[in-house]
Amino acid sequence: AVRAMALDINFSRPIFGTYADGRWSQPAPWLGPAVRFTSG
């Protein structure tokens, strides 16, 4: 990394996922469902 930022310190909050070729990929599924991005 040449530029970076810290995320939340609570492991239940940050989710690192990717979206490519019309598919959602979430390497760490135990961190929460993707639906949290489309709900309040």
PDB file of all heavy atoms in Angstrom:
ATOM      1  N   ALA A   1       0.829  -1.213   0.000  1.00  0.00           N
ATOM      2  CA  ALA A   1       0.000   0.000   0.000  1.00  0.00           C
ATOM      3  C   ALA A   1       0.863   1.263   0.000  1.00  0.00           C
ATOM      4  O   ALA A   1       1.808   1.376   0.766  1.00  0.00           O
ATOM      5  CB  ALA A   1      -0.925   0.015   1.210  1.00  0.00           C
ATOM      6  N   VAL A   2       0.518   2.176  -0.901  1.00  0.00           N
ATOM      7  CA  VAL A   2       1.160   3.490  -0.912  1.00  0.00           C
ATOM      8  C   VAL A   2       0.240   4.539  -0.293  1.00  0.00           C
ATOM      9  O   VAL A   2       0.689   5.602   0.108  1.00  0.00           O
ATOM     10  CB  VAL A   2       1.577   3.915  -2.345  1.00  0.00           C
ATOM     11  CG1 VAL A   2       2.685   3.008  -2.866  1.00  0.00           C
ATOM     12  CG2 VAL A   2       0.392   3.926  -3.290  1.00  0.00           C
ATOM     13  N   ARG A   3      -1.041   4.228  -0.235  1.00  0.00           N
ATOM     14  CA  ARG A   3      -2.040   5.034   0.478  1.00  0.00           C
ATOM     15  C   ARG A   3      -2.965   4.065   1.191  1.00  0.00           C
ATOM     16  O   ARG A   3      -3.316   3.024   0.642  1.00  0.00           O
ATOM     17  CB  ARG A   3      -2.852   5.886  -0.494  1.00  0.00           C
ATOM     18  CG  ARG A   3      -2.080   7.023  -1.108  1.00  0.00           C
ATOM     19  CD  ARG A   3      -2.979   7.947  -1.938  1.00  0.00           C
ATOM     20  NE  ARG A   3      -3.886   7.254  -2.841  1.00  0.00           N
ATOM     21  CZ  ARG A   3      -3.583   6.856  -4.067  1.00  0.00           C
ATOM     22  NH1 ARG A   3      -2.384   7.050  -4.549  1.00  0.00           N
ATOM     23  NH2 ARG A   3      -4.481   6.262  -4.825  1.00  0.00           N
ATOM     24  N   ALA A   4      -3.350   4.409   2.412  1.00  0.00           N
ATOM     25  CA  ALA A   4      -4.208   3.490   3.168  1.00  0.00           C
ATOM     26  C   ALA A   4      -4.990   4.260   4.216  1.00  0.00           C
ATOM     27  O   ALA A   4      -4.664   5.400   4.544  1.00  0.00           O
ATOM     28  CB  ALA A   4      -3.368   2.401   3.828  1.00  0.00           C
ATOM     29  N   MET A   5      -6.015   3.596   4.738  1.00  0.00           N
ATOM     30  CA  MET A   5      -6.784   4.172   5.835  1.00  0.00           C
ATOM     31  C   MET A   5      -7.234   3.059   6.773  1.00  0.00           C
ATOM     32  O   MET A   5      -7.458   1.923   6.348  1.00  0.00           O
ATOM     33  CB  MET A   5      -7.999   4.953   5.330  1.00  0.00           C
ATOM     34  CG  MET A   5      -9.044   4.109   4.635  1.00  0.00           C
ATOM     35  SD  MET A   5     -10.440   5.060   4.017  1.00  0.00           S
ATOM     36  CE  MET A   5     -11.562   4.928   5.384  1.00  0.00           C
ATOM     37  N   ALA A   6      -7.329   3.395   8.041  1.00  0.00           N
ATOM     38  CA  ALA A   6      -7.831   2.443   9.028  1.00  0.00           C
ATOM     39  C   ALA A   6      -9.347   2.385   8.920  1.00  0.00           C
ATOM     40  O   ALA A   6     -10.000   3.379   8.581  1.00  0.00           O
ATOM     41  CB  ALA A   6      -7.415   2.875  10.426  1.00  0.00           C
ATOM     42  N   LEU A   7      -9.891   1.228   9.204  1.00  0.00           N
ATOM     43  CA  LEU A   7     -11.338   1.043   9.253  1.00  0.00           C
ATOM     44  C   LEU A   7     -11.746   0.876  10.712  1.00  0.00           C
ATOM     45  O   LEU A   7     -10.971   1.146  11.615  1.00  0.00           O
ATOM     46  CB  LEU A   7     -11.731  -0.173   8.407  1.00  0.00           C
ATOM     47  CG  LEU A   7     -11.361  -0.083   6.926  1.00  0.00           C
ATOM     48  CD1 LEU A   7     -11.658  -1.402   6.227  1.00  0.00           C
ATOM     49  CD2 LEU A   7     -12.105   1.059   6.256  1.00  0.00           C
ATOM     50  N   ASP A   8     -12.933   0.400  10.960  1.00  0.00           N
ATOM     51  CA  ASP A   8     -13.455   0.229  12.316  1.00  0.00           C
ATOM     52  C   ASP A   8     -12.640  -0.798  13.095  1.00  0.00           C
ATOM     53  O   ASP A   8     -12.148  -1.777  12.532  1.00  0.00           O
ATOM     54  CB  ASP A   8     -14.910  -0.234  12.235  1.00  0.00           C
ATOM     55  CG  ASP A   8     -15.697   0.098  13.481  1.00  0.00           C
ATOM     56  OD1 ASP A   8     -15.318  -0.361  14.572  1.00  0.00           O
ATOM     57  OD2 ASP A   8     -16.685   0.820  13.354  1.00  0.00           O
ATOM     58  N   ILE A   9     -12.498  -0.590  14.400  1.00  0.00           N
ATOM     59  CA  ILE A   9     -11.763  -1.541  15.233  1.00  0.00           C
ATOM     60  C   ILE A   9     -12.632  -2.711  15.688  1.00  0.00           C
ATOM     61  O   ILE A   9     -12.126  -3.667  16.248  1.00  0.00           O
ATOM     62  CB  ILE A   9     -11.113  -0.859  16.460  1.00  0.00           C
ATOM     63  CG1 ILE A   9     -12.178  -0.256  17.365  1.00  0.00           C
ATOM     64  CG2 ILE A   9     -10.106   0.166  16.028  1.00  0.00           C
ATOM     65  CD1 ILE A   9     -11.644   0.249  18.691  1.00  0.00           C
ATOM     66  N   ASN A  10     -13.924  -2.621  15.459  1.00  0.00           N
ATOM     67  CA  ASN A  10     -14.825  -3.724  15.803  1.00  0.00           C
ATOM     68  C   ASN A  10     -14.910  -4.668  14.618  1.00  0.00           C
ATOM     69  O   ASN A  10     -15.359  -4.282  13.549  1.00  0.00           O
ATOM     70  CB  ASN A  10     -16.218  -3.185  16.150  1.00  0.00           C
ATOM     71  CG  ASN A  10     -16.175  -2.251  17.332  1.00  0.00           C
ATOM     72  OD1 ASN A  10     -15.720  -2.627  18.400  1.00  0.00           O
ATOM     73  ND2 ASN A  10     -16.598  -1.014  17.138  1.00  0.00           N
ATOM     74  N   PHE A  11     -14.471  -5.902  14.787  1.00  0.00           N
ATOM     75  CA  PHE A  11     -14.430  -6.833  13.668  1.00  0.00           C
ATOM     76  C   PHE A  11     -15.802  -7.158  13.090  1.00  0.00           C
ATOM     77  O   PHE A  11     -15.903  -7.671  11.995  1.00  0.00           O
ATOM     78  CB  PHE A  11     -13.714  -8.124  14.072  1.00  0.00           C
ATOM     79  CG  PHE A  11     -12.227  -8.075  13.883  1.00  0.00           C
ATOM     80  CD1 PHE A  11     -11.578  -6.915  13.540  1.00  0.00           C
ATOM     81  CD2 PHE A  11     -11.475  -9.201  14.054  1.00  0.00           C
ATOM     82  CE1 PHE A  11     -10.209  -6.869  13.351  1.00  0.00           C
ATOM     83  CE2 PHE A  11     -10.095  -9.183  13.886  1.00  0.00           C
ATOM     84  CZ  PHE A  11      -9.461  -8.011  13.527  1.00  0.00           C
ATOM     85  N   SER A  12     -16.872  -6.856  13.799  1.00  0.00           N
ATOM     86  CA  SER A  12     -18.197  -7.124  13.241  1.00  0.00           C
ATOM     87  C   SER A  12     -18.623  -6.032  12.269  1.00  0.00           C
ATOM     88  O   SER A  12     -19.614  -6.181  11.570  1.00  0.00           O
ATOM     89  CB  SER A  12     -19.229  -7.243  14.354  1.00  0.00           C
ATOM     90  OG  SER A  12     -19.357  -6.002  15.032  1.00  0.00           O
ATOM     91  N   ARG A  13     -17.894  -4.934  12.186  1.00  0.00           N
ATOM     92  CA  ARG A  13     -18.280  -3.815  11.329  1.00  0.00           C
ATOM     93  C   ARG A  13     -17.657  -3.832   9.938  1.00  0.00           C
ATOM     94  O   ARG A  13     -18.352  -3.739   8.959  1.00  0.00           O
ATOM     95  CB  ARG A  13     -17.966  -2.483  12.022  1.00  0.00           C
ATOM     96  CG  ARG A  13     -18.789  -2.260  13.252  1.00  0.00           C
ATOM     97  CD  ARG A  13     -20.223  -2.068  12.875  1.00  0.00           C
ATOM     98  NE  ARG A  13     -21.042  -1.931  14.068  1.00  0.00           N
ATOM     99  CZ  ARG A  13     -22.331  -2.140  14.089  1.00  0.00           C
ATOM    100  NH1 ARG A  13     -22.958  -2.499  13.008  1.00  0.00           N
ATOM    101  NH2 ARG A  13     -23.001  -1.996  15.202  1.00  0.00           N
ATOM    102  N   PRO A  14     -16.331  -3.890   9.817  1.00  0.00           N
ATOM    103  CA  PRO A  14     -15.766  -3.818   8.461  1.00  0.00           C
ATOM    104  C   PRO A  14     -16.036  -5.086   7.670  1.00  0.00           C
ATOM    105  O   PRO A  14     -15.970  -6.188   8.193  1.00  0.00           O
ATOM    106  CB  PRO A  14     -14.269  -3.636   8.676  1.00  0.00           C
ATOM    107  CG  PRO A  14     -14.007  -3.751  10.111  1.00  0.00           C
ATOM    108  CD  PRO A  14     -15.293  -3.925  10.835  1.00  0.00           C
ATOM    109  N   ILE A  15     -16.365  -4.889   6.417  1.00  0.00           N
ATOM    110  CA  ILE A  15     -16.538  -6.008   5.487  1.00  0.00           C
ATOM    111  C   ILE A  15     -15.705  -5.677   4.265  1.00  0.00           C
ATOM    112  O   ILE A  15     -15.794  -4.578   3.725  1.00  0.00           O
ATOM    113  CB  ILE A  15     -18.006  -6.178   5.063  1.00  0.00           C
ATOM    114  CG1 ILE A  15     -18.862  -6.627   6.222  1.00  0.00           C
ATOM    115  CG2 ILE A  15     -18.103  -7.169   3.909  1.00  0.00           C
ATOM    116  CD1 ILE A  15     -20.323  -6.749   5.862  1.00  0.00           C
ATOM    117  N   PHE A  16     -14.895  -6.599   3.849  1.00  0.00           N
ATOM    118  CA  PHE A  16     -14.161  -6.416   2.602  1.00  0.00           C
ATOM    119  C   PHE A  16     -14.739  -7.386   1.603  1.00  0.00           C
ATOM    120  O   PHE A  16     -14.654  -8.594   1.760  1.00  0.00           O
ATOM    121  CB  PHE A  16     -12.665  -6.679   2.791  1.00  0.00           C
ATOM    122  CG  PHE A  16     -11.881  -6.452   1.532  1.00  0.00           C
ATOM    123  CD1 PHE A  16     -11.577  -5.170   1.129  1.00  0.00           C
ATOM    124  CD2 PHE A  16     -11.485  -7.516   0.746  1.00  0.00           C
ATOM    125  CE1 PHE A  16     -10.871  -4.945  -0.043  1.00  0.00           C
ATOM    126  CE2 PHE A  16     -10.774  -7.303  -0.425  1.00  0.00           C
ATOM    127  CZ  PHE A  16     -10.468  -6.017  -0.820  1.00  0.00           C
ATOM    128  N   GLY A  17     -15.349  -6.845   0.592  1.00  0.00           N
ATOM    129  CA  GLY A  17     -15.933  -7.679  -0.437  1.00  0.00           C
ATOM    130  C   GLY A  17     -15.646  -7.072  -1.792  1.00  0.00           C
ATOM    131  O   GLY A  17     -15.253  -5.906  -1.893  1.00  0.00           O
ATOM    132  N   THR A  18     -15.820  -7.849  -2.817  1.00  0.00           N
ATOM    133  CA  THR A  18     -15.593  -7.359  -4.167  1.00  0.00           C
ATOM    134  C   THR A  18     -16.821  -7.626  -5.024  1.00  0.00           C
ATOM    135  O   THR A  18     -17.619  -8.528  -4.729  1.00  0.00           O
ATOM    136  CB  THR A  18     -14.380  -8.044  -4.814  1.00  0.00           C
ATOM    137  OG1 THR A  18     -14.614  -9.454  -4.872  1.00  0.00           O
ATOM    138  CG2 THR A  18     -13.120  -7.767  -4.027  1.00  0.00           C
ATOM    139  N   TYR A  19     -16.951  -6.832  -6.045  1.00  0.00           N
ATOM    140  CA  TYR A  19     -18.029  -7.027  -7.013  1.00  0.00           C
ATOM    141  C   TYR A  19     -17.400  -6.952  -8.395  1.00  0.00           C
ATOM    142  O   TYR A  19     -16.851  -5.918  -8.783  1.00  0.00           O
ATOM    143  CB  TYR A  19     -19.109  -5.961  -6.845  1.00  0.00           C
ATOM    144  CG  TYR A  19     -20.306  -6.199  -7.706  1.00  0.00           C
ATOM    145  CD1 TYR A  19     -21.293  -7.097  -7.313  1.00  0.00           C
ATOM    146  CD2 TYR A  19     -20.452  -5.559  -8.920  1.00  0.00           C
ATOM    147  CE1 TYR A  19     -22.393  -7.335  -8.107  1.00  0.00           C
ATOM    148  CE2 TYR A  19     -21.553  -5.787  -9.733  1.00  0.00           C
ATOM    149  CZ  TYR A  19     -22.514  -6.675  -9.311  1.00  0.00           C
ATOM    150  OH  TYR A  19     -23.615  -6.922 -10.101  1.00  0.00           O
ATOM    151  N   ALA A  20     -17.427  -8.033  -9.107  1.00  0.00           N
ATOM    152  CA  ALA A  20     -16.851  -8.073 -10.449  1.00  0.00           C
ATOM    153  C   ALA A  20     -17.637  -9.059 -11.297  1.00  0.00           C
ATOM    154  O   ALA A  20     -18.116 -10.078 -10.800  1.00  0.00           O
ATOM    155  CB  ALA A  20     -15.388  -8.486 -10.387  1.00  0.00           C
ATOM    156  N   ASP A  21     -17.749  -8.749 -12.554  1.00  0.00           N
ATOM    157  CA  ASP A  21     -18.447  -9.631 -13.497  1.00  0.00           C
ATOM    158  C   ASP A  21     -19.844  -9.996 -13.020  1.00  0.00           C
ATOM    159  O   ASP A  21     -20.305 -11.125 -13.192  1.00  0.00           O
ATOM    160  CB  ASP A  21     -17.636 -10.910 -13.759  1.00  0.00           C
ATOM    161  CG  ASP A  21     -16.263 -10.601 -14.329  1.00  0.00           C
ATOM    162  OD1 ASP A  21     -16.157  -9.655 -15.140  1.00  0.00           O
ATOM    163  OD2 ASP A  21     -15.299 -11.290 -13.947  1.00  0.00           O
ATOM    164  N   GLY A  22     -20.512  -9.043 -12.373  1.00  0.00           N
ATOM    165  CA  GLY A  22     -21.877  -9.275 -11.918  1.00  0.00           C
ATOM    166  C   GLY A  22     -22.018 -10.165 -10.705  1.00  0.00           C
ATOM    167  O   GLY A  22     -23.113 -10.604 -10.372  1.00  0.00           O
ATOM    168  N   ARG A  23     -20.901 -10.452 -10.024  1.00  0.00           N
ATOM    169  CA  ARG A  23     -20.953 -11.329  -8.847  1.00  0.00           C
ATOM    170  C   ARG A  23     -20.351 -10.645  -7.628  1.00  0.00           C
ATOM    171  O   ARG A  23     -19.320  -9.976  -7.722  1.00  0.00           O
ATOM    172  CB  ARG A  23     -20.206 -12.626  -9.118  1.00  0.00           C
ATOM    173  CG  ARG A  23     -20.923 -13.521 -10.096  1.00  0.00           C
ATOM    174  CD  ARG A  23     -20.120 -14.740 -10.335  1.00  0.00           C
ATOM    175  NE  ARG A  23     -18.820 -14.276 -10.860  1.00  0.00           N
ATOM    176  CZ  ARG A  23     -17.944 -15.027 -11.457  1.00  0.00           C
ATOM    177  NH1 ARG A  23     -18.156 -16.303 -11.593  1.00  0.00           N
ATOM    178  NH2 ARG A  23     -16.814 -14.531 -11.924  1.00  0.00           N
ATOM    179  N   TRP A  24     -20.964 -10.856  -6.489  1.00  0.00           N
ATOM    180  CA  TRP A  24     -20.502 -10.348  -5.206  1.00  0.00           C
ATOM    181  C   TRP A  24     -19.617 -11.409  -4.561  1.00  0.00           C
ATOM    182  O   TRP A  24     -19.988 -12.575  -4.498  1.00  0.00           O
ATOM    183  CB  TRP A  24     -21.697 -10.043  -4.312  1.00  0.00           C
ATOM    184  CG  TRP A  24     -21.389  -9.847  -2.861  1.00  0.00           C
ATOM    185  CD1 TRP A  24     -21.630 -10.744  -1.857  1.00  0.00           C
ATOM    186  CD2 TRP A  24     -20.803  -8.712  -2.235  1.00  0.00           C
ATOM    187  NE1 TRP A  24     -21.220 -10.227  -0.659  1.00  0.00           N
ATOM    188  CE2 TRP A  24     -20.710  -8.973  -0.854  1.00  0.00           C
ATOM    189  CE3 TRP A  24     -20.325  -7.491  -2.711  1.00  0.00           C
ATOM    190  CZ2 TRP A  24     -20.183  -8.070   0.046  1.00  0.00           C
ATOM    191  CZ3 TRP A  24     -19.804  -6.587  -1.800  1.00  0.00           C
ATOM    192  CH2 TRP A  24     -19.740  -6.882  -0.436  1.00  0.00           C
ATOM    193  N   SER A  25     -18.449 -11.020  -4.096  1.00  0.00           N
ATOM    194  CA  SER A  25     -17.548 -11.934  -3.414  1.00  0.00           C
ATOM    195  C   SER A  25     -17.193 -11.342  -2.065  1.00  0.00           C
ATOM    196  O   SER A  25     -16.703 -10.216  -1.994  1.00  0.00           O
ATOM    197  CB  SER A  25     -16.274 -12.131  -4.237  1.00  0.00           C
ATOM    198  OG  SER A  25     -15.305 -12.790  -3.460  1.00  0.00           O
ATOM    199  N   GLN A  26     -17.464 -12.076  -1.030  1.00  0.00           N
ATOM    200  CA  GLN A  26     -17.153 -11.615   0.316  1.00  0.00           C
ATOM    201  C   GLN A  26     -16.248 -12.650   0.956  1.00  0.00           C
ATOM    202  O   GLN A  26     -16.704 -13.675   1.434  1.00  0.00           O
ATOM    203  CB  GLN A  26     -18.447 -11.437   1.116  1.00  0.00           C
ATOM    204  CG  GLN A  26     -18.225 -10.806   2.466  1.00  0.00           C
ATOM    205  CD  GLN A  26     -19.543 -10.594   3.182  1.00  0.00           C
ATOM    206  OE1 GLN A  26     -20.580 -10.469   2.571  1.00  0.00           O
ATOM    207  NE2 GLN A  26     -19.489 -10.567   4.490  1.00  0.00           N
ATOM    208  N   PRO A  27     -14.929 -12.401   0.998  1.00  0.00           N
ATOM    209  CA  PRO A  27     -13.986 -13.399   1.500  1.00  0.00           C
ATOM    210  C   PRO A  27     -14.220 -13.822   2.944  1.00  0.00           C
ATOM    211  O   PRO A  27     -13.846 -14.912   3.324  1.00  0.00           O
ATOM    212  CB  PRO A  27     -12.632 -12.704   1.370  1.00  0.00           C
ATOM    213  CG  PRO A  27     -12.851 -11.595   0.421  1.00  0.00           C
ATOM    214  CD  PRO A  27     -14.278 -11.203   0.528  1.00  0.00           C
ATOM    215  N   ALA A  28     -14.814 -12.958   3.742  1.00  0.00           N
ATOM    216  CA  ALA A  28     -15.023 -13.290   5.152  1.00  0.00           C
ATOM    217  C   ALA A  28     -16.518 -13.223   5.467  1.00  0.00           C
ATOM    218  O   ALA A  28     -16.996 -12.245   6.027  1.00  0.00           O
ATOM    219  CB  ALA A  28     -14.240 -12.331   6.037  1.00  0.00           C
ATOM    220  N   PRO A  29     -17.302 -14.244   5.087  1.00  0.00           N
ATOM    221  CA  PRO A  29     -18.760 -14.181   5.218  1.00  0.00           C
ATOM    222  C   PRO A  29     -19.261 -14.073   6.654  1.00  0.00           C
ATOM    223  O   PRO A  29     -20.384 -13.655   6.881  1.00  0.00           O
ATOM    224  CB  PRO A  29     -19.235 -15.476   4.565  1.00  0.00           C
ATOM    225  CG  PRO A  29     -18.064 -16.383   4.625  1.00  0.00           C
ATOM    226  CD  PRO A  29     -16.846 -15.513   4.545  1.00  0.00           C
ATOM    227  N   TRP A  30     -18.455 -14.433   7.635  1.00  0.00           N
ATOM    228  CA  TRP A  30     -18.912 -14.370   9.014  1.00  0.00           C
ATOM    229  C   TRP A  30     -19.029 -12.923   9.506  1.00  0.00           C
ATOM    230  O   TRP A  30     -19.496 -12.669  10.585  1.00  0.00           O
ATOM    231  CB  TRP A  30     -17.980 -15.163   9.926  1.00  0.00           C
ATOM    232  CG  TRP A  30     -16.575 -14.644   9.915  1.00  0.00           C
ATOM    233  CD1 TRP A  30     -16.058 -13.668  10.707  1.00  0.00           C
ATOM    234  CD2 TRP A  30     -15.523 -15.058   9.056  1.00  0.00           C
ATOM    235  NE1 TRP A  30     -14.741 -13.442  10.390  1.00  0.00           N
ATOM    236  CE2 TRP A  30     -14.382 -14.279   9.389  1.00  0.00           C
ATOM    237  CE3 TRP A  30     -15.415 -16.004   8.050  1.00  0.00           C
ATOM    238  CZ2 TRP A  30     -13.162 -14.428   8.729  1.00  0.00           C
ATOM    239  CZ3 TRP A  30     -14.198 -16.142   7.400  1.00  0.00           C
ATOM    240  CH2 TRP A  30     -13.103 -15.366   7.748  1.00  0.00           C
ATOM    241  N   LEU A  31     -18.586 -11.963   8.717  1.00  0.00           N
ATOM    242  CA  LEU A  31     -18.622 -10.563   9.150  1.00  0.00           C
ATOM    243  C   LEU A  31     -19.954  -9.884   8.874  1.00  0.00           C
ATOM    244  O   LEU A  31     -20.127  -8.728   9.201  1.00  0.00           O
ATOM    245  CB  LEU A  31     -17.493  -9.774   8.484  1.00  0.00           C
ATOM    246  CG  LEU A  31     -16.091 -10.223   8.885  1.00  0.00           C
ATOM    247  CD1 LEU A  31     -15.053  -9.385   8.163  1.00  0.00           C
ATOM    248  CD2 LEU A  31     -15.872 -10.144  10.371  1.00  0.00           C
ATOM    249  N   GLY A  32     -20.878 -10.559   8.271  1.00  0.00           N
ATOM    250  CA  GLY A  32     -22.196  -9.975   8.070  1.00  0.00           C
ATOM    251  C   GLY A  32     -22.666 -10.105   6.635  1.00  0.00           C
ATOM    252  O   GLY A  32     -21.864 -10.206   5.723  1.00  0.00           O
ATOM    253  N   PRO A  33     -23.965 -10.059   6.436  1.00  0.00           N
ATOM    254  CA  PRO A  33     -24.527 -10.235   5.096  1.00  0.00           C
ATOM    255  C   PRO A  33     -24.392  -8.970   4.249  1.00  0.00           C
ATOM    256  O   PRO A  33     -24.367  -7.854   4.756  1.00  0.00           O
ATOM    257  CB  PRO A  33     -25.996 -10.541   5.380  1.00  0.00           C
ATOM    258  CG  PRO A  33     -26.267  -9.846   6.674  1.00  0.00           C
ATOM    259  CD  PRO A  33     -24.982  -9.923   7.467  1.00  0.00           C
ATOM    260  N   ALA A  34     -24.326  -9.151   2.935  1.00  0.00           N
ATOM    261  CA  ALA A  34     -24.212  -8.024   1.999  1.00  0.00           C
ATOM    262  C   ALA A  34     -25.445  -7.137   2.025  1.00  0.00           C
ATOM    263  O   ALA A  34     -25.375  -5.974   1.666  1.00  0.00           O
ATOM    264  CB  ALA A  34     -23.966  -8.558   0.595  1.00  0.00           C
ATOM    265  N   VAL A  35     -26.592  -7.653   2.497  1.00  0.00           N
ATOM    266  CA  VAL A  35     -27.830  -6.870   2.524  1.00  0.00           C
ATOM    267  C   VAL A  35     -27.683  -5.605   3.375  1.00  0.00           C
ATOM    268  O   VAL A  35     -28.415  -4.648   3.190  1.00  0.00           O
ATOM    269  CB  VAL A  35     -29.021  -7.738   3.008  1.00  0.00           C
ATOM    270  CG1 VAL A  35     -28.903  -8.052   4.486  1.00  0.00           C
ATOM    271  CG2 VAL A  35     -30.330  -7.043   2.715  1.00  0.00           C
ATOM    272  N   ARG A  36     -26.709  -5.567   4.249  1.00  0.00           N
ATOM    273  CA  ARG A  36     -26.548  -4.374   5.070  1.00  0.00           C
ATOM    274  C   ARG A  36     -26.185  -3.156   4.236  1.00  0.00           C
ATOM    275  O   ARG A  36     -26.285  -2.036   4.687  1.00  0.00           O
ATOM    276  CB  ARG A  36     -25.551  -4.613   6.188  1.00  0.00           C
ATOM    277  CG  ARG A  36     -24.114  -4.692   5.763  1.00  0.00           C
ATOM    278  CD  ARG A  36     -23.265  -5.182   6.881  1.00  0.00           C
ATOM    279  NE  ARG A  36     -22.483  -4.119   7.466  1.00  0.00           N
ATOM    280  CZ  ARG A  36     -21.489  -4.301   8.295  1.00  0.00           C
ATOM    281  NH1 ARG A  36     -21.185  -5.527   8.672  1.00  0.00           N
ATOM    282  NH2 ARG A  36     -20.798  -3.314   8.768  1.00  0.00           N
ATOM    283  N   PHE A  37     -25.747  -3.345   2.984  1.00  0.00           N
ATOM    284  CA  PHE A  37     -25.440  -2.220   2.115  1.00  0.00           C
ATOM    285  C   PHE A  37     -26.681  -1.634   1.454  1.00  0.00           C
ATOM    286  O   PHE A  37     -26.634  -0.539   0.920  1.00  0.00           O
ATOM    287  CB  PHE A  37     -24.449  -2.636   1.022  1.00  0.00           C
ATOM    288  CG  PHE A  37     -23.134  -3.123   1.577  1.00  0.00           C
ATOM    289  CD1 PHE A  37     -22.691  -4.393   1.318  1.00  0.00           C
ATOM    290  CD2 PHE A  37     -22.353  -2.302   2.376  1.00  0.00           C
ATOM    291  CE1 PHE A  37     -21.481  -4.843   1.830  1.00  0.00           C
ATOM    292  CE2 PHE A  37     -21.147  -2.734   2.893  1.00  0.00           C
ATOM    293  CZ  PHE A  37     -20.717  -4.015   2.626  1.00  0.00           C
ATOM    294  N   THR A  38     -27.763  -2.389   1.439  1.00  0.00           N
ATOM    295  CA  THR A  38     -28.974  -1.914   0.776  1.00  0.00           C
ATOM    296  C   THR A  38     -30.097  -1.601   1.754  1.00  0.00           C
ATOM    297  O   THR A  38     -31.176  -1.221   1.343  1.00  0.00           O
ATOM    298  CB  THR A  38     -29.467  -2.965  -0.236  1.00  0.00           C
ATOM    299  OG1 THR A  38     -29.708  -4.201   0.450  1.00  0.00           O
ATOM    300  CG2 THR A  38     -28.450  -3.188  -1.339  1.00  0.00           C
ATOM    301  N   SER A  39     -29.837  -1.771   3.032  1.00  0.00           N
ATOM    302  CA  SER A  39     -30.844  -1.444   4.040  1.00  0.00           C
ATOM    303  C   SER A  39     -30.335  -0.275   4.880  1.00  0.00           C
ATOM    304  O   SER A  39     -29.152   0.038   4.877  1.00  0.00           O
ATOM    305  CB  SER A  39     -31.116  -2.661   4.933  1.00  0.00           C
ATOM    306  OG  SER A  39     -29.934  -3.032   5.600  1.00  0.00           O
ATOM    307  N   GLY A  40     -31.224   0.365   5.603  1.00  0.00           N
ATOM    308  CA  GLY A  40     -30.827   1.487   6.449  1.00  0.00           C
ATOM    309  C   GLY A  40     -29.801   1.070   7.495  1.00  0.00           C
ATOM    310  O   GLY A  40     -29.895  -0.004   8.082  1.00  0.00           O
TER     311      GLY A  40
END
